[in-house]
Amino acid sequence: MTGPPGVGSSVDPAGTATRSAFDTAASGDLARTLDVLHDINFAPTHSDRIVVAMRDGRVVADAPADLIRRADVLELVTDTQVEVREIDCRPVALYYS
């Protein structure tokens, strides 16, 4: 399990990318890696599966990454208006409070 404070967020994007590359190389074909990430755009890009435990300590969403990065799911998880747009051929979540 990885996920030190500050890494995996907009606070340290370079560290997040470096750690993700390390995790991918270290996990191999049979091993699994658990990362704690808080960036809703980065996590689905570098993960096969997303588990979100944000509501009263209960899992709200547990699905393949592509199914999590949808406006209806992200709005449920974040309790915030979310729009998902294609930018440079990738879905990007835009969120507003």
N, C-alpha and C. Protein backbone atom coordinates (compact mmCIF):
# COMPACT_ATOMS: atom_id res chain seq x y z
N MET A 1 0.85 -1.18 0.00
CA MET A 1 0.00 0.00 0.00
C MET A 1 0.89 1.22 0.00
N THR A 2 0.57 2.17 -0.86
CA THR A 2 1.30 3.42 -0.89
C THR A 2 0.32 4.56 -0.73
N GLY A 3 0.84 5.73 -0.49
CA GLY A 3 -0.02 6.89 -0.37
C GLY A 3 0.39 7.83 0.74
N PRO A 4 1.66 8.28 0.74
CA PRO A 4 2.08 9.23 1.77
C PRO A 4 1.36 10.56 1.62
N PRO A 5 1.23 11.32 2.69
CA PRO A 5 0.55 12.61 2.63
C PRO A 5 1.16 13.52 1.57
N GLY A 6 0.32 14.18 0.81
CA GLY A 6 0.79 15.12 -0.20
C GLY A 6 1.03 14.48 -1.55
N VAL A 7 1.30 13.20 -1.60
CA VAL A 7 1.52 12.54 -2.88
C VAL A 7 0.21 11.93 -3.31
N GLY A 8 -0.13 12.10 -4.56
CA GLY A 8 -1.42 11.60 -5.05
C GLY A 8 -2.43 12.71 -5.12
N SER A 9 -1.94 13.92 -5.10
CA SER A 9 -2.85 15.06 -5.18
C SER A 9 -2.18 16.14 -6.01
N SER A 10 -2.86 17.25 -6.15
CA SER A 10 -2.30 18.36 -6.91
C SER A 10 -1.12 19.00 -6.18
N VAL A 11 -0.90 18.62 -4.93
CA VAL A 11 0.22 19.17 -4.17
C VAL A 11 1.55 18.72 -4.76
N ASP A 12 1.63 17.48 -5.23
CA ASP A 12 2.88 16.92 -5.75
C ASP A 12 2.62 16.08 -7.00
N PRO A 13 2.26 16.71 -8.14
CA PRO A 13 1.96 15.92 -9.33
C PRO A 13 3.16 15.13 -9.85
N ALA A 14 4.37 15.68 -9.76
CA ALA A 14 5.55 14.95 -10.25
C ALA A 14 5.81 13.72 -9.39
N GLY A 15 5.67 13.85 -8.09
CA GLY A 15 5.86 12.70 -7.19
C GLY A 15 4.80 11.64 -7.42
N THR A 16 3.60 12.07 -7.70
CA THR A 16 2.51 11.14 -7.97
C THR A 16 2.80 10.33 -9.23
N ALA A 17 3.23 10.98 -10.28
CA ALA A 17 3.54 10.29 -11.54
C ALA A 17 4.70 9.32 -11.36
N THR A 18 5.72 9.74 -10.63
CA THR A 18 6.87 8.86 -10.38
C THR A 18 6.46 7.64 -9.58
N ARG A 19 5.67 7.84 -8.53
CA ARG A 19 5.23 6.72 -7.71
C ARG A 19 4.35 5.76 -8.51
N SER A 20 3.51 6.30 -9.37
CA SER A 20 2.64 5.46 -10.18
C SER A 20 3.46 4.59 -11.12
N ALA A 21 4.50 5.15 -11.73
CA ALA A 21 5.36 4.36 -12.61
C ALA A 21 6.06 3.27 -11.82
N PHE A 22 6.52 3.57 -10.61
CA PHE A 22 7.17 2.57 -9.75
C PHE A 22 6.18 1.47 -9.39
N ASP A 23 4.97 1.84 -8.99
CA ASP A 23 3.95 0.85 -8.61
C ASP A 23 3.64 -0.08 -9.77
N THR A 24 3.53 0.47 -10.97
CA THR A 24 3.23 -0.34 -12.14
C THR A 24 4.36 -1.35 -12.39
N ALA A 25 5.60 -0.88 -12.30
CA ALA A 25 6.74 -1.77 -12.53
C ALA A 25 6.85 -2.82 -11.43
N ALA A 26 6.56 -2.43 -10.19
CA ALA A 26 6.72 -3.34 -9.05
C ALA A 26 5.59 -4.36 -8.97
N SER A 27 4.43 -4.05 -9.49
CA SER A 27 3.29 -4.94 -9.30
C SER A 27 3.37 -6.21 -10.14
N GLY A 28 4.00 -6.14 -11.31
CA GLY A 28 4.12 -7.33 -12.16
C GLY A 28 2.76 -7.84 -12.61
N ASP A 29 2.71 -9.08 -13.07
CA ASP A 29 1.47 -9.65 -13.57
C ASP A 29 0.57 -10.20 -12.47
N LEU A 30 1.16 -10.69 -11.39
CA LEU A 30 0.37 -11.38 -10.37
C LEU A 30 0.12 -10.55 -9.12
N ALA A 31 0.98 -9.61 -8.84
CA ALA A 31 0.86 -8.83 -7.61
C ALA A 31 -0.15 -7.69 -7.80
N ARG A 32 -0.63 -7.17 -6.70
CA ARG A 32 -1.55 -6.04 -6.72
C ARG A 32 -0.98 -4.94 -5.85
N THR A 33 -1.28 -3.72 -6.22
CA THR A 33 -0.83 -2.56 -5.47
C THR A 33 -2.05 -1.76 -5.04
N LEU A 34 -2.05 -1.31 -3.82
CA LEU A 34 -3.12 -0.46 -3.32
C LEU A 34 -2.55 0.93 -3.12
N ASP A 35 -3.11 1.89 -3.81
CA ASP A 35 -2.71 3.29 -3.68
C ASP A 35 -3.86 4.07 -3.09
N VAL A 36 -3.53 5.06 -2.30
CA VAL A 36 -4.52 5.99 -1.79
C VAL A 36 -4.29 7.30 -2.54
N LEU A 37 -5.21 7.62 -3.43
CA LEU A 37 -5.10 8.81 -4.25
C LEU A 37 -6.33 9.67 -4.05
N HIS A 38 -6.15 10.97 -4.15
CA HIS A 38 -7.26 11.89 -3.94
C HIS A 38 -7.60 12.71 -5.17
N ASP A 39 -6.87 12.53 -6.25
CA ASP A 39 -7.11 13.27 -7.48
C ASP A 39 -8.06 12.46 -8.37
N ILE A 40 -9.27 12.96 -8.58
CA ILE A 40 -10.28 12.19 -9.31
C ILE A 40 -9.96 12.04 -10.79
N ASN A 41 -9.00 12.81 -11.30
CA ASN A 41 -8.59 12.64 -12.68
C ASN A 41 -7.39 11.72 -12.81
N PHE A 42 -6.51 11.74 -11.83
CA PHE A 42 -5.30 10.91 -11.88
C PHE A 42 -5.60 9.45 -11.56
N ALA A 43 -6.38 9.22 -10.54
CA ALA A 43 -6.63 7.84 -10.07
C ALA A 43 -7.16 6.92 -11.17
N PRO A 44 -8.20 7.30 -11.92
CA PRO A 44 -8.70 6.39 -12.95
C PRO A 44 -7.72 6.16 -14.10
N THR A 45 -6.84 7.14 -14.35
CA THR A 45 -5.87 7.02 -15.42
C THR A 45 -4.81 5.97 -15.11
N HIS A 46 -4.50 5.78 -13.83
CA HIS A 46 -3.42 4.89 -13.43
C HIS A 46 -3.90 3.72 -12.59
N SER A 47 -5.17 3.40 -12.69
CA SER A 47 -5.72 2.31 -11.88
C SER A 47 -6.64 1.44 -12.74
N ASP A 48 -6.66 0.16 -12.42
CA ASP A 48 -7.60 -0.75 -13.08
C ASP A 48 -8.96 -0.73 -12.40
N ARG A 49 -8.94 -0.57 -11.09
CA ARG A 49 -10.16 -0.61 -10.30
C ARG A 49 -10.11 0.51 -9.26
N ILE A 50 -11.25 1.11 -8.99
CA ILE A 50 -11.35 2.19 -8.02
C ILE A 50 -12.34 1.78 -6.94
N VAL A 51 -11.93 1.91 -5.70
CA VAL A 51 -12.82 1.72 -4.55
C VAL A 51 -12.86 3.05 -3.82
N VAL A 52 -14.04 3.60 -3.66
CA VAL A 52 -14.19 4.89 -3.01
C VAL A 52 -14.95 4.69 -1.71
N ALA A 53 -14.31 5.04 -0.59
CA ALA A 53 -14.95 4.94 0.72
C ALA A 53 -15.04 6.34 1.31
N MET A 54 -16.07 7.07 0.92
CA MET A 54 -16.14 8.46 1.33
C MET A 54 -17.40 8.83 2.11
N ARG A 55 -18.37 7.99 2.13
CA ARG A 55 -19.63 8.32 2.78
C ARG A 55 -19.78 7.56 4.09
N ASP A 56 -19.64 8.27 5.19
CA ASP A 56 -19.86 7.68 6.51
C ASP A 56 -19.08 6.39 6.71
N GLY A 57 -17.87 6.32 6.14
CA GLY A 57 -17.02 5.16 6.31
C GLY A 57 -17.44 3.94 5.50
N ARG A 58 -18.41 4.11 4.62
CA ARG A 58 -18.88 2.99 3.79
C ARG A 58 -18.43 3.16 2.34
N VAL A 59 -18.21 2.04 1.68
CA VAL A 59 -17.84 2.07 0.26
C VAL A 59 -19.04 2.55 -0.55
N VAL A 60 -18.83 3.59 -1.31
CA VAL A 60 -19.90 4.15 -2.14
C VAL A 60 -19.80 3.63 -3.56
N ALA A 61 -18.59 3.42 -4.05
CA ALA A 61 -18.41 2.94 -5.41
C ALA A 61 -17.20 2.00 -5.46
N ASP A 62 -17.37 0.90 -6.15
CA ASP A 62 -16.31 -0.10 -6.33
C ASP A 62 -16.50 -0.68 -7.72
N ALA A 63 -15.67 -0.23 -8.67
CA ALA A 63 -15.88 -0.64 -10.06
C ALA A 63 -14.60 -0.41 -10.86
N PRO A 64 -14.56 -0.94 -12.08
CA PRO A 64 -13.45 -0.62 -12.96
C PRO A 64 -13.34 0.90 -13.14
N ALA A 65 -12.14 1.37 -13.34
CA ALA A 65 -11.86 2.81 -13.39
C ALA A 65 -12.75 3.56 -14.39
N ASP A 66 -13.01 2.97 -15.55
CA ASP A 66 -13.81 3.65 -16.56
C ASP A 66 -15.25 3.90 -16.09
N LEU A 67 -15.76 3.04 -15.23
CA LEU A 67 -17.13 3.21 -14.74
C LEU A 67 -17.22 4.24 -13.62
N ILE A 68 -16.11 4.48 -12.94
CA ILE A 68 -16.10 5.47 -11.85
C ILE A 68 -16.05 6.88 -12.41
N ARG A 69 -15.33 7.07 -13.50
CA ARG A 69 -15.15 8.43 -14.03
C ARG A 69 -16.34 8.82 -14.91
N ARG A 70 -17.50 8.82 -14.29
CA ARG A 70 -18.75 9.27 -14.91
C ARG A 70 -19.35 10.33 -14.00
N ALA A 71 -19.99 11.31 -14.58
CA ALA A 71 -20.53 12.42 -13.79
C ALA A 71 -21.49 11.94 -12.71
N ASP A 72 -22.39 11.01 -13.02
CA ASP A 72 -23.37 10.59 -12.02
C ASP A 72 -22.71 9.89 -10.83
N VAL A 73 -21.69 9.09 -11.09
CA VAL A 73 -20.99 8.40 -10.00
C VAL A 73 -20.17 9.40 -9.18
N LEU A 74 -19.43 10.28 -9.85
CA LEU A 74 -18.60 11.24 -9.13
C LEU A 74 -19.44 12.22 -8.32
N GLU A 75 -20.62 12.59 -8.82
CA GLU A 75 -21.50 13.47 -8.06
C GLU A 75 -22.00 12.78 -6.80
N LEU A 76 -22.31 11.50 -6.91
CA LEU A 76 -22.75 10.73 -5.74
C LEU A 76 -21.63 10.67 -4.70
N VAL A 77 -20.42 10.41 -5.16
CA VAL A 77 -19.27 10.26 -4.27
C VAL A 77 -18.87 11.58 -3.62
N THR A 78 -18.84 12.66 -4.41
CA THR A 78 -18.32 13.93 -3.91
C THR A 78 -19.39 14.89 -3.39
N ASP A 79 -20.66 14.59 -3.66
CA ASP A 79 -21.75 15.49 -3.29
C ASP A 79 -21.52 16.88 -3.88
N THR A 80 -20.99 16.89 -5.10
CA THR A 80 -20.66 18.12 -5.81
C THR A 80 -21.04 17.96 -7.28
N GLN A 81 -21.41 19.05 -7.93
CA GLN A 81 -21.69 19.00 -9.36
C GLN A 81 -20.42 18.66 -10.11
N VAL A 82 -20.47 17.67 -10.98
CA VAL A 82 -19.31 17.23 -11.75
C VAL A 82 -19.70 17.12 -13.22
N GLU A 83 -18.83 17.59 -14.07
CA GLU A 83 -19.01 17.44 -15.51
C GLU A 83 -17.78 16.69 -16.02
N VAL A 84 -17.99 15.68 -16.85
CA VAL A 84 -16.87 14.93 -17.42
C VAL A 84 -16.81 15.29 -18.90
N ARG A 85 -15.65 15.82 -19.32
CA ARG A 85 -15.44 16.22 -20.71
C ARG A 85 -14.26 15.47 -21.29
N GLU A 86 -14.27 15.31 -22.60
CA GLU A 86 -13.13 14.73 -23.31
C GLU A 86 -12.15 15.87 -23.61
N ILE A 87 -10.93 15.75 -23.13
CA ILE A 87 -9.87 16.71 -23.41
C ILE A 87 -8.66 15.90 -23.84
N ASP A 88 -8.15 16.18 -25.04
CA ASP A 88 -7.03 15.41 -25.60
C ASP A 88 -7.32 13.91 -25.57
N CYS A 89 -8.53 13.55 -25.96
CA CYS A 89 -8.98 12.15 -26.06
C CYS A 89 -9.04 11.44 -24.72
N ARG A 90 -9.12 12.17 -23.62
CA ARG A 90 -9.24 11.55 -22.29
C ARG A 90 -10.38 12.20 -21.52
N PRO A 91 -11.11 11.41 -20.76
CA PRO A 91 -12.15 12.01 -19.92
C PRO A 91 -11.52 12.76 -18.75
N VAL A 92 -12.00 13.97 -18.54
CA VAL A 92 -11.49 14.81 -17.45
C VAL A 92 -12.70 15.29 -16.63
N ALA A 93 -12.64 15.09 -15.33
CA ALA A 93 -13.72 15.52 -14.45
C ALA A 93 -13.49 16.97 -14.04
N LEU A 94 -14.50 17.79 -14.26
CA LEU A 94 -14.49 19.18 -13.82
C LEU A 94 -15.52 19.28 -12.72
N TYR A 95 -15.13 19.80 -11.57
CA TYR A 95 -16.05 19.83 -10.45
C TYR A 95 -16.18 21.23 -9.89
N TYR A 96 -17.36 21.48 -9.40
CA TYR A 96 -17.72 22.81 -8.92
C TYR A 96 -18.41 22.66 -7.58
N SER A 97 -18.21 23.63 -6.70
CA SER A 97 -18.91 23.57 -5.41
C SER A 97 -20.08 24.51 -5.40
